[in-house]
């Protein structure tokens, strides 16, 4: 592969990357800090009065957008040394939420939907007027699902396109009203926005989900002295929190990002001569669906749990060449593995049989329409993909050379997860795969292409 440095997203025409088939894959990788956990650790540190350290957090562009927004609100975020493989230690000093200042300008969330949605929840419970905006991709991401509950709590929010798309204006108030909110579509970001707003509410705030989504916010609130309870009740997953709680300063150890691990797990399981070890990966029960689904496909993944004093469980994962087989994924599986679906689709292209993925409509609302992107890219490479509405069927070709994949020019739609999925496909495909925008990987995994060269050597 050449020209694969994944630095900041460029303003000029991005340089393409070329990925050639690897004869073998070997190596031990330390992944970037978990993006979801880093966002939350930074925001909760900013809510607490005093100082908190975030160890090993993501240095991706999305998390740096969160840093920029917090700094505009009067929070100090200091890097403790240089970044290392997409990980960076930070010291956060904050006057606490009541000491935040009103920003002088629009708050720029960049490409990060998590930044916009979670901070909208926080700002809803402050006396601050703020406008949250971002790049062209973020301006196409839905916000109605957070506007509705935050309005019911008493905040004033407006967005363009009939209150559906950013920019998002938030005029907060305190105290907010406590509500019971049933999420129409399972979403950890909507749940987190309501819970963070609940820190300024009077009474019990409750979020009900059809499927339990990632619980990082709940775990991290508890670690900072907030009483959050979660249990199954009446066929739903119910999260309850006493409003008006104070967030305490707390240091957070961020594990390696399991969404980043997914690409190497698929590469190691599909490649004909592979053994890869991934160190200190987060294996939170609400995030490990990709592990369980790949194992159901026959992936040989050895998991060694690690003893940690952090809020999140970690493990060392070793994956080796496997004989993959097709599986069925329903809407609940998609919700549990939403960020890993692109990598799982590539695994399906290498598996025996036809994998069906049903109810994947949420993929259309990410950095790109990922159903279109996955189907277009994999089909261009030679995979057999059928799309019907929000369902995908992928027929594997395990008995054909290189799984029937041949390197071609593949569009990534400026989407980091598509860029990394097709780069891994390039390790498996015959010939050379050309990626139009490799720099987009820096959104979540700045060192991805460096690691790709390391494991193929």
Protein backbone atom coordinates (compact mmCIF):
# COMPACT_ATOMS: atom_id res chain seq x y z
CA UNK A 1 0.00 0.00 0.00
CA UNK A 2 1.19 3.50 -0.74
CA UNK A 3 0.16 6.97 0.29
CA UNK A 4 -1.90 5.78 3.24
CA UNK A 5 -1.17 8.36 5.91
CA UNK A 6 -4.42 9.09 7.73
CA UNK A 7 -3.98 12.63 8.99
CA UNK A 8 -6.63 15.34 9.39
CA UNK A 9 -9.32 15.36 6.73
CA UNK A 10 -7.95 17.59 3.95
CA UNK A 11 -9.66 20.59 2.39
CA UNK A 12 -8.20 19.72 -1.01
CA UNK A 13 -8.88 16.66 -3.14
CA UNK A 14 -7.79 13.66 -1.02
CA UNK A 15 -4.96 11.46 -2.26
CA UNK A 16 -6.01 7.86 -2.92
CA UNK A 17 -4.47 4.83 -1.25
CA UNK A 18 -3.50 1.58 -2.92
CA UNK A 19 -3.84 -1.72 -1.06
CA UNK A 20 -2.48 -4.97 -2.46
CA UNK A 21 -3.29 -8.51 -1.40
CA UNK A 22 -1.28 -9.72 1.62
CA UNK A 23 0.44 -13.10 1.48
CA UNK A 24 0.17 -13.42 5.27
CA UNK A 25 -1.00 -11.40 8.28
CA UNK A 26 0.93 -11.39 11.55
CA UNK A 27 1.33 -8.98 14.43
CA UNK A 28 0.27 -7.56 17.76
CA UNK A 29 -1.68 -4.30 17.73
CA UNK A 30 -2.64 -1.77 20.39
CA UNK A 31 -5.79 -0.13 19.11
CA UNK A 32 -6.85 3.51 19.47
CA UNK A 33 -8.86 4.40 22.54
CA UNK A 34 -12.56 3.60 22.34
CA UNK A 35 -14.27 6.52 20.62
CA UNK A 36 -17.62 6.21 22.40
CA UNK A 37 -16.01 6.01 25.83
CA UNK A 38 -13.61 8.89 25.13
CA UNK A 39 -16.45 11.25 24.17
CA UNK A 40 -18.28 10.45 27.39
CA UNK A 41 -15.19 10.61 29.59
CA UNK A 42 -14.34 14.08 28.28
CA UNK A 43 -17.90 15.39 28.66
CA UNK A 44 -18.34 13.99 32.18
CA UNK A 45 -14.94 15.37 33.21
CA UNK A 46 -16.10 18.77 31.96
CA UNK A 47 -19.35 18.49 33.97
CA UNK A 48 -17.41 17.87 37.19
CA UNK A 49 -15.77 20.68 39.12
CA UNK A 50 -12.02 20.16 39.43
CA UNK A 51 -9.71 18.04 37.34
CA UNK A 52 -9.97 14.58 35.82
CA UNK A 53 -7.58 12.53 33.72
CA UNK A 54 -8.60 10.52 30.67
CA UNK A 55 -5.94 7.88 30.03
CA UNK A 56 -5.51 6.32 26.58
CA UNK A 57 -8.42 8.15 24.99
CA UNK A 58 -9.05 8.35 21.26
CA UNK A 59 -7.04 10.91 19.30
CA UNK A 60 -9.42 10.62 16.37
CA UNK A 61 -10.94 13.68 14.74
CA UNK A 62 -14.39 13.03 16.27
CA UNK A 63 -13.10 13.09 19.84
CA UNK A 64 -10.97 16.12 19.07
CA UNK A 65 -14.19 17.84 17.99
CA UNK A 66 -15.59 17.19 21.46
CA UNK A 67 -12.43 18.71 22.95
CA UNK A 68 -12.86 21.82 20.81
CA UNK A 69 -16.49 22.30 21.84
CA UNK A 70 -15.68 21.89 25.54
CA UNK A 71 -12.85 24.40 25.27
CA UNK A 72 -15.26 26.90 23.67
CA UNK A 73 -17.44 26.47 26.78
CA UNK A 74 -14.60 27.39 29.12
CA UNK A 75 -13.14 23.96 29.91
CA UNK A 76 -9.36 23.42 29.74
CA UNK A 77 -8.19 20.19 28.08
CA UNK A 78 -4.44 19.53 28.18
CA UNK A 79 -2.58 16.76 26.36
CA UNK A 80 -0.25 14.83 28.66
CA UNK A 81 2.40 13.90 26.14
CA UNK A 82 2.24 13.00 22.44
CA UNK A 83 -0.34 10.70 20.87
CA UNK A 84 0.62 7.04 20.53
CA UNK A 85 -1.13 4.96 17.88
CA UNK A 86 -4.39 6.86 18.11
CA UNK A 87 -4.28 7.05 21.92
CA UNK A 88 -3.61 10.14 24.00
CA UNK A 89 -3.71 11.03 27.71
CA UNK A 90 -5.55 14.22 28.63
CA UNK A 91 -6.05 16.35 31.75
CA UNK A 92 -9.42 18.09 31.95
CA UNK A 93 -9.85 21.11 34.26
CA UNK A 94 -13.35 22.45 34.63
CA UNK A 95 -15.28 24.96 36.75
CA UNK A 96 -18.16 22.49 36.59
CA UNK A 97 -21.28 22.79 34.48
CA UNK A 98 -22.55 25.88 36.36
CA UNK A 99 -19.28 27.65 35.54
CA UNK A 100 -19.40 27.09 31.79
CA UNK A 101 -19.46 30.24 29.69
CA UNK A 102 -21.70 31.02 26.76
CA UNK A 103 -19.70 30.50 23.54
CA UNK A 104 -18.82 33.45 21.31
CA UNK A 105 -19.40 31.48 18.12
CA UNK A 106 -21.08 28.40 16.69
CA UNK A 107 -19.92 25.18 18.37
CA UNK A 108 -18.26 23.07 15.67
CA UNK A 109 -18.89 19.33 16.12
CA UNK A 110 -17.08 18.51 12.87
CA UNK A 111 -18.16 15.08 11.64
CA UNK A 112 -19.19 13.86 15.10
CA UNK A 113 -22.83 13.05 15.71
CA UNK A 114 -21.94 11.91 19.23
CA UNK A 115 -20.49 15.34 20.05
CA UNK A 116 -23.60 17.12 18.82
CA UNK A 117 -26.21 14.86 20.40
CA UNK A 118 -24.61 14.34 23.81
CA UNK A 119 -23.70 18.00 24.27
CA UNK A 120 -27.20 19.03 23.20
CA UNK A 121 -28.42 17.02 26.19
CA UNK A 122 -25.95 18.70 28.53
CA UNK A 123 -26.63 22.22 27.22
CA UNK A 124 -30.39 21.69 27.54
CA UNK A 125 -29.92 21.87 31.31
CA UNK A 126 -27.81 25.04 31.39
CA UNK A 127 -28.56 28.76 31.10
CA UNK A 128 -26.54 28.87 27.88
CA UNK A 129 -27.59 29.78 24.34
CA UNK A 130 -25.63 27.69 21.84
CA UNK A 131 -25.68 26.64 18.21
CA UNK A 132 -24.22 23.22 17.37
CA UNK A 133 -23.12 22.68 13.78
CA UNK A 134 -20.64 20.59 11.81
CA UNK A 135 -19.45 19.58 8.38
CA UNK A 136 -21.59 18.72 5.36
CA UNK A 137 -21.94 15.11 6.47
CA UNK A 138 -23.11 16.04 9.97
CA UNK A 139 -25.65 18.46 8.50
CA UNK A 140 -27.35 15.44 6.96
CA UNK A 141 -27.67 13.52 10.24
CA UNK A 142 -31.05 13.43 12.06
CA UNK A 143 -31.63 15.40 15.27
CA UNK A 144 -35.41 15.16 15.69
CA UNK A 145 -35.01 12.18 18.03
CA UNK A 146 -33.15 14.31 20.57
CA UNK A 147 -35.18 17.48 20.05
CA UNK A 148 -38.45 15.80 21.05
CA UNK A 149 -37.48 14.51 24.54
CA UNK A 150 -35.35 17.57 25.39
CA UNK A 151 -38.27 19.86 24.53
CA UNK A 152 -40.55 17.83 26.78
CA UNK A 153 -38.02 18.39 29.56
CA UNK A 154 -38.39 22.14 29.07
CA UNK A 155 -35.46 23.20 26.88
CA UNK A 156 -35.91 25.15 23.66
CA UNK A 157 -34.38 23.55 20.57
CA UNK A 158 -34.67 24.34 16.88
CA UNK A 159 -33.08 22.92 13.73
CA UNK A 160 -33.40 23.42 10.01
CA UNK A 161 -35.58 21.32 7.68
CA UNK A 162 -38.54 21.39 10.07
CA UNK A 163 -36.41 20.59 13.12
CA UNK A 164 -34.80 17.50 11.61
CA UNK A 165 -31.25 18.49 10.58
CA UNK A 166 -28.35 20.55 11.99
CA UNK A 167 -27.45 23.29 12.72
CA UNK A 168 -29.13 22.79 16.10
CA UNK A 169 -29.92 25.72 18.36
CA UNK A 170 -30.22 24.99 22.08
CA UNK A 171 -31.56 27.44 24.67
CA UNK A 172 -31.24 25.65 27.97
CA UNK A 173 -33.02 26.06 31.27
CA UNK A 174 -32.62 24.74 34.79
CA UNK A 175 -34.23 22.92 36.35
CA UNK A 176 -35.64 20.69 33.66
CA UNK A 177 -38.67 18.45 34.04
CA UNK A 178 -38.24 14.74 34.60
CA UNK A 179 -39.72 12.55 31.85
CA UNK A 180 -40.21 8.93 30.84
CA UNK A 181 -38.87 8.54 27.30
CA UNK A 182 -39.46 5.54 25.03
CA UNK A 183 -36.83 5.55 22.28
CA UNK A 184 -38.58 4.80 18.94
CA UNK A 185 -35.30 3.41 17.56
CA UNK A 186 -32.67 1.96 19.95
CA UNK A 187 -29.98 4.63 20.26
CA UNK A 188 -27.32 5.00 22.93
CA UNK A 189 -26.81 8.61 21.85
CA UNK A 190 -30.45 9.56 22.42
CA UNK A 191 -30.48 7.70 25.74
CA UNK A 192 -27.29 9.47 26.80
CA UNK A 193 -28.62 12.89 25.77
CA UNK A 194 -31.69 12.39 27.97
CA UNK A 195 -29.65 11.12 30.92
CA UNK A 196 -27.17 14.00 30.67
CA UNK A 197 -30.05 16.47 30.54
CA UNK A 198 -31.45 14.62 33.56
CA UNK A 199 -28.54 15.86 35.64
CA UNK A 200 -30.44 19.18 35.68
CA UNK A 201 -33.92 17.68 36.15
CA UNK A 202 -36.23 17.52 39.16
CA UNK A 203 -37.46 13.96 39.80
CA UNK A 204 -36.85 10.56 38.23
CA UNK A 205 -35.72 10.47 34.59
CA UNK A 206 -36.46 7.19 32.81
CA UNK A 207 -35.44 5.91 29.37
CA UNK A 208 -37.08 2.78 27.96
CA UNK A 209 -35.49 0.85 25.08
CA UNK A 210 -36.69 -2.13 23.08
CA UNK A 211 -33.09 -3.39 23.06
CA UNK A 212 -30.41 -2.51 25.61
CA UNK A 213 -27.90 -0.24 23.84
CA UNK A 214 -24.30 0.42 24.90
CA UNK A 215 -24.21 1.37 28.58
CA UNK A 216 -21.01 3.43 28.82
CA UNK A 217 -22.88 6.53 30.02
CA UNK A 218 -24.60 4.62 32.82
CA UNK A 219 -21.37 2.98 33.99
CA UNK A 220 -19.47 6.23 33.94
CA UNK A 221 -22.18 8.19 35.74
CA UNK A 222 -22.18 5.59 38.53
CA UNK A 223 -18.39 5.84 38.81
CA UNK A 224 -18.84 9.59 39.34
CA UNK A 225 -21.38 9.31 42.15
CA UNK A 226 -24.66 9.39 40.19
CA UNK A 227 -27.27 6.74 41.07
CA UNK A 228 -28.30 5.10 37.79
CA UNK A 229 -30.31 1.87 37.75
CA UNK A 230 -31.01 -0.39 34.78
CA UNK A 231 -33.17 -3.50 34.50
CA UNK A 232 -35.56 -5.35 32.24
CA UNK A 233 -39.22 -4.55 32.88
CA UNK A 234 -42.43 -5.11 30.92
CA UNK A 235 -40.55 -6.29 27.84
CA UNK A 236 -38.27 -3.23 27.73
CA UNK A 237 -34.85 -2.26 29.01
CA UNK A 238 -35.40 0.53 31.52
CA UNK A 239 -32.74 2.98 32.71
CA UNK A 240 -33.71 5.23 35.67
CA UNK A 241 -31.82 8.10 37.25
CA UNK A 242 -32.54 10.54 40.05
CA UNK A 243 -32.37 14.01 38.54
CA UNK A 244 -30.33 16.88 39.89
CA UNK A 245 -27.27 14.78 40.69
CA UNK A 246 -23.74 16.21 40.92
CA UNK A 247 -21.03 14.65 38.78
CA UNK A 248 -17.78 14.10 40.69
CA UNK A 249 -14.31 14.37 39.19
CA UNK A 250 -12.94 10.95 38.27
CA UNK A 251 -10.02 9.53 36.25
CA UNK A 252 -10.95 7.18 33.39
CA UNK A 253 -8.88 4.45 31.72
CA UNK A 254 -10.13 4.06 28.15
CA UNK A 255 -9.86 0.57 26.58
CA UNK A 256 -9.00 -0.14 22.97
CA UNK A 257 -11.91 0.40 20.59
CA UNK A 258 -13.74 -2.83 19.76
CA UNK A 259 -15.19 -1.16 16.66
CA UNK A 260 -11.62 -0.67 15.44
CA UNK A 261 -10.80 -4.25 16.46
CA UNK A 262 -13.61 -5.51 14.20
CA UNK A 263 -11.60 -4.80 11.04
CA UNK A 264 -8.64 -6.90 12.23
CA UNK A 265 -10.90 -9.65 13.56
CA UNK A 266 -12.46 -9.98 10.10
CA UNK A 267 -9.06 -9.75 8.37
CA UNK A 268 -7.56 -12.43 10.63
CA UNK A 269 -10.54 -14.78 10.37
CA UNK A 270 -10.93 -14.50 6.58
CA UNK A 271 -7.30 -14.44 5.41
CA UNK A 272 -5.83 -17.84 4.49
CA UNK A 273 -2.63 -17.33 6.57
CA UNK A 274 -3.23 -15.07 9.55
CA UNK A 275 -2.74 -14.68 13.28
CA UNK A 276 -3.31 -11.30 14.88
CA UNK A 277 -3.30 -10.28 18.53
CA UNK A 278 -5.19 -7.20 19.73
CA UNK A 279 -4.24 -5.86 23.16
CA UNK A 280 -6.47 -4.31 25.85
CA UNK A 281 -9.70 -4.28 23.82
CA UNK A 282 -12.91 -3.17 25.49
CA UNK A 283 -15.34 -6.09 25.83
CA UNK A 284 -18.30 -4.38 27.48
CA UNK A 285 -21.28 -6.79 27.31
CA UNK A 286 -23.32 -4.18 25.42
CA UNK A 287 -20.56 -3.72 22.80
CA UNK A 288 -19.22 -7.22 22.22
CA UNK A 289 -21.84 -8.33 19.70
CA UNK A 290 -19.26 -8.32 16.89
CA UNK A 291 -17.26 -10.94 18.82
CA UNK A 292 -20.29 -13.14 19.34
CA UNK A 293 -21.47 -12.79 15.74
CA UNK A 294 -18.04 -13.58 14.27
CA UNK A 295 -17.76 -16.61 16.53
CA UNK A 296 -21.19 -17.72 15.32
CA UNK A 297 -19.72 -17.49 11.81
CA UNK A 298 -16.91 -19.83 12.88
CA UNK A 299 -14.19 -17.26 13.59
CA UNK A 300 -11.39 -18.59 15.81
CA UNK A 301 -11.06 -15.82 18.41
CA UNK A 302 -9.29 -16.49 21.71
CA UNK A 303 -10.20 -14.07 24.50
CA UNK A 304 -8.02 -13.52 27.58
CA UNK A 305 -9.77 -11.29 30.16
CA UNK A 306 -7.63 -8.65 31.87
CA UNK A 307 -7.89 -7.45 35.46
CA UNK A 308 -8.42 -3.66 35.45
CA UNK A 309 -9.51 -1.04 37.96
CA UNK A 310 -11.48 0.90 35.37
CA UNK A 311 -15.22 1.01 34.70
CA UNK A 312 -14.93 -1.06 31.50
CA UNK A 313 -13.87 -4.72 31.07
CA UNK A 314 -10.92 -5.42 28.75
CA UNK A 315 -9.38 -8.47 27.13
CA UNK A 316 -6.59 -9.50 24.78
CA UNK A 317 -8.02 -11.00 21.58
CA UNK A 318 -6.17 -13.35 19.23
CA UNK A 319 -7.76 -14.24 15.89
CA UNK A 320 -6.50 -16.75 13.34
CA UNK A 321 -7.48 -18.16 9.96
CA UNK A 322 -10.98 -19.62 10.10
CA UNK A 323 -13.60 -21.31 7.93
CA UNK A 324 -16.44 -18.80 7.99
CA UNK A 325 -20.10 -19.67 7.45
CA UNK A 326 -23.19 -17.54 6.85
CA UNK A 327 -25.50 -16.41 9.65
CA UNK A 328 -28.76 -14.50 10.04
CA UNK A 329 -28.79 -11.01 11.62
CA UNK A 330 -32.06 -9.45 12.73
CA UNK A 331 -32.83 -5.88 13.85
CA UNK A 332 -31.68 -6.59 17.42
CA UNK A 333 -28.30 -7.83 16.13
CA UNK A 334 -27.95 -4.75 13.94
CA UNK A 335 -28.69 -2.47 16.90
CA UNK A 336 -26.06 -4.23 19.05
CA UNK A 337 -23.39 -4.14 16.34
CA UNK A 338 -24.36 -1.04 14.37
CA UNK A 339 -20.82 0.32 13.94
CA UNK A 340 -19.38 -3.08 13.03
CA UNK A 341 -21.91 -4.01 10.32
CA UNK A 342 -19.66 -2.88 7.42
CA UNK A 343 -16.85 -5.18 8.61
CA UNK A 344 -19.34 -8.02 9.19
CA UNK A 345 -20.60 -7.60 5.61
CA UNK A 346 -17.05 -8.20 4.37
CA UNK A 347 -16.85 -11.32 6.56
CA UNK A 348 -20.12 -12.48 4.98
CA UNK A 349 -18.58 -12.11 1.50
CA UNK A 350 -15.90 -14.62 2.59
CA UNK A 351 -18.28 -17.05 4.31
CA UNK A 352 -19.93 -20.26 3.11
CA UNK A 353 -23.59 -19.64 2.29
CA UNK A 354 -25.71 -16.49 2.20
CA UNK A 355 -25.81 -14.10 5.13
CA UNK A 356 -29.01 -12.11 5.60
CA UNK A 357 -29.01 -8.80 7.50
CA UNK A 358 -32.52 -7.49 8.20
CA UNK A 359 -33.73 -4.19 9.59
CA UNK A 360 -30.53 -2.22 8.95
CA UNK A 361 -32.20 1.12 8.21
CA UNK A 362 -30.18 2.93 10.89
CA UNK A 363 -27.12 2.42 8.66
CA UNK A 364 -28.59 4.97 6.27
CA UNK A 365 -28.26 7.69 8.93
CA UNK A 366 -24.54 7.41 9.63
CA UNK A 367 -21.66 9.41 8.10
CA UNK A 368 -22.96 8.13 4.78
CA UNK A 369 -25.79 5.87 3.66
CA UNK A 370 -23.82 2.78 4.63
CA UNK A 371 -26.25 0.36 3.01
CA UNK A 372 -25.57 2.02 -0.35
CA UNK A 373 -21.85 2.32 0.41
CA UNK A 374 -21.39 -1.30 1.50
CA UNK A 375 -23.37 -2.70 -1.40
CA UNK A 376 -21.67 -0.49 -4.00
CA UNK A 377 -18.14 -1.12 -2.74
CA UNK A 378 -18.40 -4.85 -2.19
CA UNK A 379 -20.18 -5.38 -5.51
CA UNK A 380 -17.45 -3.41 -7.30
CA UNK A 381 -14.88 -5.76 -5.74
CA UNK A 382 -16.82 -8.80 -6.98
CA UNK A 383 -18.95 -9.75 -3.98
CA UNK A 384 -22.53 -10.88 -4.52
CA UNK A 385 -24.73 -8.40 -2.66
CA UNK A 386 -28.49 -7.87 -2.89
CA UNK A 387 -30.31 -4.97 -1.23
CA UNK A 388 -34.06 -4.94 -0.66
CA UNK A 389 -35.18 -1.91 1.29
CA UNK A 390 -33.20 -1.96 4.53
CA UNK A 391 -32.21 -5.62 4.20
CA UNK A 392 -29.02 -7.06 2.72
CA UNK A 393 -28.21 -10.54 1.44
CA UNK A 394 -24.53 -11.37 0.88
CA UNK A 395 -23.60 -14.61 -0.85
CA UNK A 396 -20.12 -15.75 0.13
CA UNK A 397 -17.67 -17.24 -2.36
CA UNK A 398 -15.19 -19.11 -0.13
CA UNK A 399 -14.17 -21.62 -2.81
CA UNK A 400 -13.16 -19.02 -5.38
CA UNK A 401 -9.63 -17.54 -5.39
CA UNK A 402 -9.51 -14.47 -3.15
CA UNK A 403 -13.20 -15.08 -2.33
CA UNK A 404 -14.08 -13.82 -5.80
CA UNK A 405 -12.74 -10.37 -4.88
CA UNK A 406 -10.61 -8.40 -7.35
CA UNK A 407 -9.03 -5.05 -6.60
CA UNK A 408 -10.65 -2.05 -8.27
CA UNK A 409 -11.23 1.64 -7.51
CA UNK A 410 -13.72 1.71 -4.62
CA UNK A 411 -15.63 4.81 -3.42
CA UNK A 412 -15.55 5.34 0.35
CA UNK A 413 -18.07 8.22 0.49
CA UNK A 414 -15.83 10.01 2.98
CA UNK A 415 -16.91 7.44 5.61
CA UNK A 416 -14.20 6.13 7.94
CA UNK A 417 -15.80 2.73 8.48
CA UNK A 418 -16.24 2.13 4.76
CA UNK A 419 -12.66 3.21 4.06
CA UNK A 420 -11.30 0.70 6.59
CA UNK A 421 -13.65 -2.08 5.46
CA UNK A 422 -12.53 -1.75 1.83
CA UNK A 423 -8.88 -1.48 2.87
CA UNK A 424 -9.20 -4.85 4.64
CA UNK A 425 -10.96 -6.18 1.54
CA UNK A 426 -7.87 -5.08 -0.38
CA UNK A 427 -5.74 -7.39 1.80
CA UNK A 428 -7.91 -10.30 0.62
CA UNK A 429 -8.62 -9.34 -3.00
CA UNK A 430 -6.53 -10.21 -6.03
CA UNK A 431 -4.58 -7.33 -7.53
CA UNK A 432 -4.73 -3.77 -6.24
CA UNK A 433 -7.59 -1.95 -4.51
CA UNK A 434 -7.73 1.83 -4.87
CA UNK A 435 -9.43 3.84 -2.10
CA UNK A 436 -10.47 7.37 -3.03
CA UNK A 437 -10.38 8.90 0.49
CA UNK A 438 -8.20 7.00 2.99
CA UNK A 439 -7.79 10.08 5.19
CA UNK A 440 -11.36 9.64 6.46
CA UNK A 441 -10.08 6.79 8.66
CA UNK A 442 -8.63 9.47 10.93
CA UNK A 443 -12.14 10.19 12.21
CA UNK A 444 -11.80 7.18 14.52
CA UNK A 445 -8.45 5.45 13.80
CA UNK A 446 -5.61 7.82 12.86
CA UNK A 447 -3.01 5.04 12.71
CA UNK A 448 -5.06 2.54 10.73
CA UNK A 449 -2.95 2.47 7.57
CA UNK A 450 0.27 2.33 9.57
CA UNK A 451 -1.11 -0.74 11.38
CA UNK A 452 -2.21 -2.23 8.06
CA UNK A 453 1.38 -2.08 6.78
CA UNK A 454 2.64 -3.52 10.08
CA UNK A 455 0.44 -6.64 10.03
CA UNK A 456 1.09 -7.46 6.37
CA UNK A 457 4.87 -7.34 6.77
